[in-house]
């Protein structure tokens, strides 16, 4: 059988891929070679699916970096793992998992589930280092040094525990009512404002 494959390969009916496998030439032509045009089409697909602009931009950065790494080589699971391992040497696991999420979505869209990979397990610290804690005195010093806009932002973080991306839901009407409805990443929750946070934001308004 091996001799038959070799003869077929020599005759041009088969082609050897980067990772050593011989496949029929017509199959090899159908295997995905990624380029930036593919990324542009995929971004359009994500927009149609209702993905947020920030999410599309984040996914695009990961995919673009992988396309540049891949060059003109065939897409394969081996190349995906190699890129992720090199990325893991210089980036945090959470960032690498974000890249995996972006790539897996692309591969499923391309019909290349064989290239999808599992997420890396993240080792959570059993406790928070004291050096990373912000003492109340330090926070108050930040407030005193801040202008009115930054003071309002800092107090919002401190008083509610929101994320940076959730600031956009803090409207004048919401601040006056004392509660903010946050609709972020498919999850809806209500954030209540304490008196200090509400007063600070109203003064800025």
Protein backbone atom coordinates (compact mmCIF):
# COMPACT_ATOMS: atom_id res chain seq x y z
CA UNK A 1 0.00 0.00 0.00
CA UNK A 2 2.85 2.39 0.89
CA UNK A 3 4.51 1.77 -2.47
CA UNK A 4 1.22 2.53 -4.23
CA UNK A 5 0.92 5.82 -2.35
CA UNK A 6 4.51 6.74 -3.19
CA UNK A 7 3.93 5.95 -6.87
CA UNK A 8 0.73 8.00 -6.86
CA UNK A 9 2.58 10.86 -5.18
CA UNK A 10 5.31 10.73 -7.80
CA UNK A 11 2.65 10.74 -10.51
CA UNK A 12 1.16 13.87 -9.04
CA UNK A 13 -2.10 12.31 -7.85
CA UNK A 14 -1.14 12.74 -4.20
CA UNK A 15 0.49 15.58 -2.32
CA UNK A 16 2.50 15.54 0.89
CA UNK A 17 1.40 18.10 3.44
CA UNK A 18 3.70 19.99 5.82
CA UNK A 19 3.21 17.44 8.58
CA UNK A 20 4.09 14.43 6.41
CA UNK A 21 0.67 13.08 5.45
CA UNK A 22 -0.05 12.16 1.82
CA UNK A 23 -3.54 13.10 0.61
CA UNK A 24 -5.15 13.24 -2.86
CA UNK A 25 -4.15 16.40 -4.70
CA UNK A 26 -7.76 17.58 -4.98
CA UNK A 27 -8.11 17.26 -1.19
CA UNK A 28 -4.89 19.16 -0.61
CA UNK A 29 -6.22 22.04 -2.70
CA UNK A 30 -9.28 22.23 -0.45
CA UNK A 31 -7.31 22.36 2.78
CA UNK A 32 -7.36 25.77 4.36
CA UNK A 33 -4.55 28.24 3.84
CA UNK A 34 -5.45 31.28 5.88
CA UNK A 35 -4.95 34.84 4.69
CA UNK A 36 -6.18 38.27 5.73
CA UNK A 37 -9.03 38.07 3.21
CA UNK A 38 -10.38 35.11 5.16
CA UNK A 39 -10.24 37.22 8.29
CA UNK A 40 -12.19 40.05 6.64
CA UNK A 41 -14.98 37.67 5.59
CA UNK A 42 -15.07 36.10 9.06
CA UNK A 43 -15.36 39.55 10.69
CA UNK A 44 -18.42 40.17 8.54
CA UNK A 45 -19.89 36.88 9.74
CA UNK A 46 -19.30 37.86 13.37
CA UNK A 47 -21.06 41.20 12.79
CA UNK A 48 -24.08 39.40 11.33
CA UNK A 49 -24.12 37.14 14.40
CA UNK A 50 -24.36 40.24 16.60
CA UNK A 51 -20.93 40.12 18.20
CA UNK A 52 -19.88 43.34 19.90
CA UNK A 53 -17.39 45.52 18.04
CA UNK A 54 -14.86 45.21 20.88
CA UNK A 55 -15.13 41.40 20.78
CA UNK A 56 -14.65 41.33 17.01
CA UNK A 57 -11.59 43.55 17.29
CA UNK A 58 -10.09 41.38 20.04
CA UNK A 59 -10.69 38.15 18.09
CA UNK A 60 -9.28 39.75 14.94
CA UNK A 61 -5.99 40.60 16.67
CA UNK A 62 -5.48 36.99 17.75
CA UNK A 63 -6.45 35.58 14.35
CA UNK A 64 -4.27 38.09 12.49
CA UNK A 65 -1.26 37.16 14.61
CA UNK A 66 -1.86 33.46 13.90
CA UNK A 67 -2.25 34.06 10.16
CA UNK A 68 1.06 35.92 10.07
CA UNK A 69 2.69 33.07 12.02
CA UNK A 70 1.22 30.46 9.66
CA UNK A 71 2.37 32.22 6.52
CA UNK A 72 1.75 30.12 3.40
CA UNK A 73 1.75 26.81 5.27
CA UNK A 74 -1.33 24.58 5.42
CA UNK A 75 -3.57 24.98 8.43
CA UNK A 76 -3.04 22.08 10.84
CA UNK A 77 -3.61 21.31 14.51
CA UNK A 78 0.16 20.95 14.91
CA UNK A 79 0.75 24.52 13.77
CA UNK A 80 -2.03 25.76 16.05
CA UNK A 81 -0.51 24.06 19.09
CA UNK A 82 2.98 25.27 18.20
CA UNK A 83 1.79 28.89 18.02
CA UNK A 84 -0.12 28.64 21.29
CA UNK A 85 2.87 27.13 23.08
CA UNK A 86 5.10 29.96 21.91
CA UNK A 87 2.45 32.44 22.99
CA UNK A 88 2.20 30.81 26.39
CA UNK A 89 5.88 31.55 27.03
CA UNK A 90 5.31 35.31 26.98
CA UNK A 91 1.61 35.85 27.73
CA UNK A 92 -0.70 35.03 30.63
CA UNK A 93 -2.89 31.94 30.44
CA UNK A 94 -6.04 34.05 30.32
CA UNK A 95 -4.75 35.82 27.21
CA UNK A 96 -3.81 32.52 25.55
CA UNK A 97 -7.26 31.11 26.29
CA UNK A 98 -8.74 34.20 24.68
CA UNK A 99 -6.75 33.40 21.55
CA UNK A 100 -7.99 29.80 21.66
CA UNK A 101 -11.59 30.99 21.84
CA UNK A 102 -11.05 33.25 18.82
CA UNK A 103 -9.32 30.54 16.76
CA UNK A 104 -11.80 27.78 17.65
CA UNK A 105 -14.66 29.95 16.42
CA UNK A 106 -12.84 30.56 13.14
CA UNK A 107 -12.00 26.89 12.65
CA UNK A 108 -15.61 25.79 13.24
CA UNK A 109 -16.75 28.41 10.72
CA UNK A 110 -14.26 27.00 8.22
CA UNK A 111 -15.39 23.43 8.90
CA UNK A 112 -11.97 22.60 10.38
CA UNK A 113 -12.99 21.22 13.76
CA UNK A 114 -9.87 19.06 13.60
CA UNK A 115 -7.83 22.18 14.41
CA UNK A 116 -9.79 23.22 17.50
CA UNK A 117 -7.96 22.85 20.80
CA UNK A 118 -8.92 22.78 24.47
CA UNK A 119 -8.33 25.63 26.89
CA UNK A 120 -5.35 25.72 29.20
CA UNK A 121 -6.11 25.23 32.86
CA UNK A 122 -5.34 28.34 34.89
CA UNK A 123 -3.76 27.91 38.30
CA UNK A 124 -5.56 30.34 40.57
CA UNK A 125 -3.60 31.89 43.40
CA UNK A 126 -4.93 30.58 46.77
CA UNK A 127 -4.73 34.10 48.18
CA UNK A 128 -4.25 37.65 47.00
CA UNK A 129 -0.85 39.16 47.63
CA UNK A 130 -0.98 42.00 50.14
CA UNK A 131 1.08 44.14 47.78
CA UNK A 132 -1.81 44.08 45.29
CA UNK A 133 -4.38 45.36 47.79
CA UNK A 134 -5.29 49.04 47.65
CA UNK A 135 -5.60 50.48 51.14
CA UNK A 136 -8.32 53.03 51.87
CA UNK A 137 -5.73 55.70 52.60
CA UNK A 138 -4.11 55.10 49.20
CA UNK A 139 -7.50 55.26 47.49
CA UNK A 140 -8.30 58.57 49.21
CA UNK A 141 -4.95 59.98 48.03
CA UNK A 142 -5.85 58.98 44.48
CA UNK A 143 -9.18 60.76 44.81
CA UNK A 144 -7.55 63.95 46.08
CA UNK A 145 -5.11 63.97 43.15
CA UNK A 146 -7.74 63.23 40.50
CA UNK A 147 -9.74 65.71 38.43
CA UNK A 148 -13.54 65.57 38.63
CA UNK A 149 -13.92 63.11 35.76
CA UNK A 150 -11.34 60.66 37.10
CA UNK A 151 -12.71 61.05 40.62
CA UNK A 152 -16.15 59.99 39.35
CA UNK A 153 -14.66 56.97 37.56
CA UNK A 154 -12.59 55.86 40.56
CA UNK A 155 -15.53 56.19 42.93
CA UNK A 156 -17.68 54.16 40.54
CA UNK A 157 -15.15 51.34 40.59
CA UNK A 158 -14.72 51.51 44.35
CA UNK A 159 -18.41 51.82 45.19
CA UNK A 160 -19.80 49.19 42.82
CA UNK A 161 -17.03 46.83 41.71
CA UNK A 162 -17.93 47.29 38.04
CA UNK A 163 -15.62 46.55 35.11
CA UNK A 164 -14.19 49.24 32.88
CA UNK A 165 -16.39 48.06 29.99
CA UNK A 166 -19.50 48.60 32.13
CA UNK A 167 -19.00 52.33 32.64
CA UNK A 168 -20.95 53.02 29.44
CA UNK A 169 -24.18 51.97 31.20
CA UNK A 170 -23.84 54.77 33.78
CA UNK A 171 -26.23 57.36 32.34
CA UNK A 172 -27.47 60.49 34.09
CA UNK A 173 -30.94 58.95 34.41
CA UNK A 174 -29.52 55.76 35.92
CA UNK A 175 -27.39 57.69 38.43
CA UNK A 176 -30.41 59.78 39.50
CA UNK A 177 -32.45 56.61 40.04
CA UNK A 178 -29.69 55.06 42.16
CA UNK A 179 -29.36 51.87 40.14
CA UNK A 180 -27.71 50.96 36.84
CA UNK A 181 -28.83 48.09 34.59
CA UNK A 182 -25.72 46.49 33.10
CA UNK A 183 -26.13 44.33 29.98
CA UNK A 184 -22.66 42.97 29.30
CA UNK A 185 -21.52 39.81 27.50
CA UNK A 186 -25.05 38.40 27.45
CA UNK A 187 -25.61 38.86 31.18
CA UNK A 188 -27.96 41.43 32.67
CA UNK A 189 -27.63 42.61 36.27
CA UNK A 190 -28.59 45.61 38.36
CA UNK A 191 -25.87 47.64 40.09
CA UNK A 192 -27.03 49.72 43.06
CA UNK A 193 -25.24 52.96 43.92
CA UNK A 194 -24.40 53.86 47.49
CA UNK A 195 -24.96 57.47 48.56
CA UNK A 196 -21.29 58.50 48.24
CA UNK A 197 -21.00 57.12 44.71
CA UNK A 198 -24.31 58.63 43.64
CA UNK A 199 -23.41 62.06 45.05
CA UNK A 200 -19.99 62.00 43.39
CA UNK A 201 -21.46 61.12 40.02
CA UNK A 202 -24.25 63.70 40.29
CA UNK A 203 -21.73 66.42 41.07
CA UNK A 204 -19.77 65.44 37.97
CA UNK A 205 -22.96 65.44 35.90
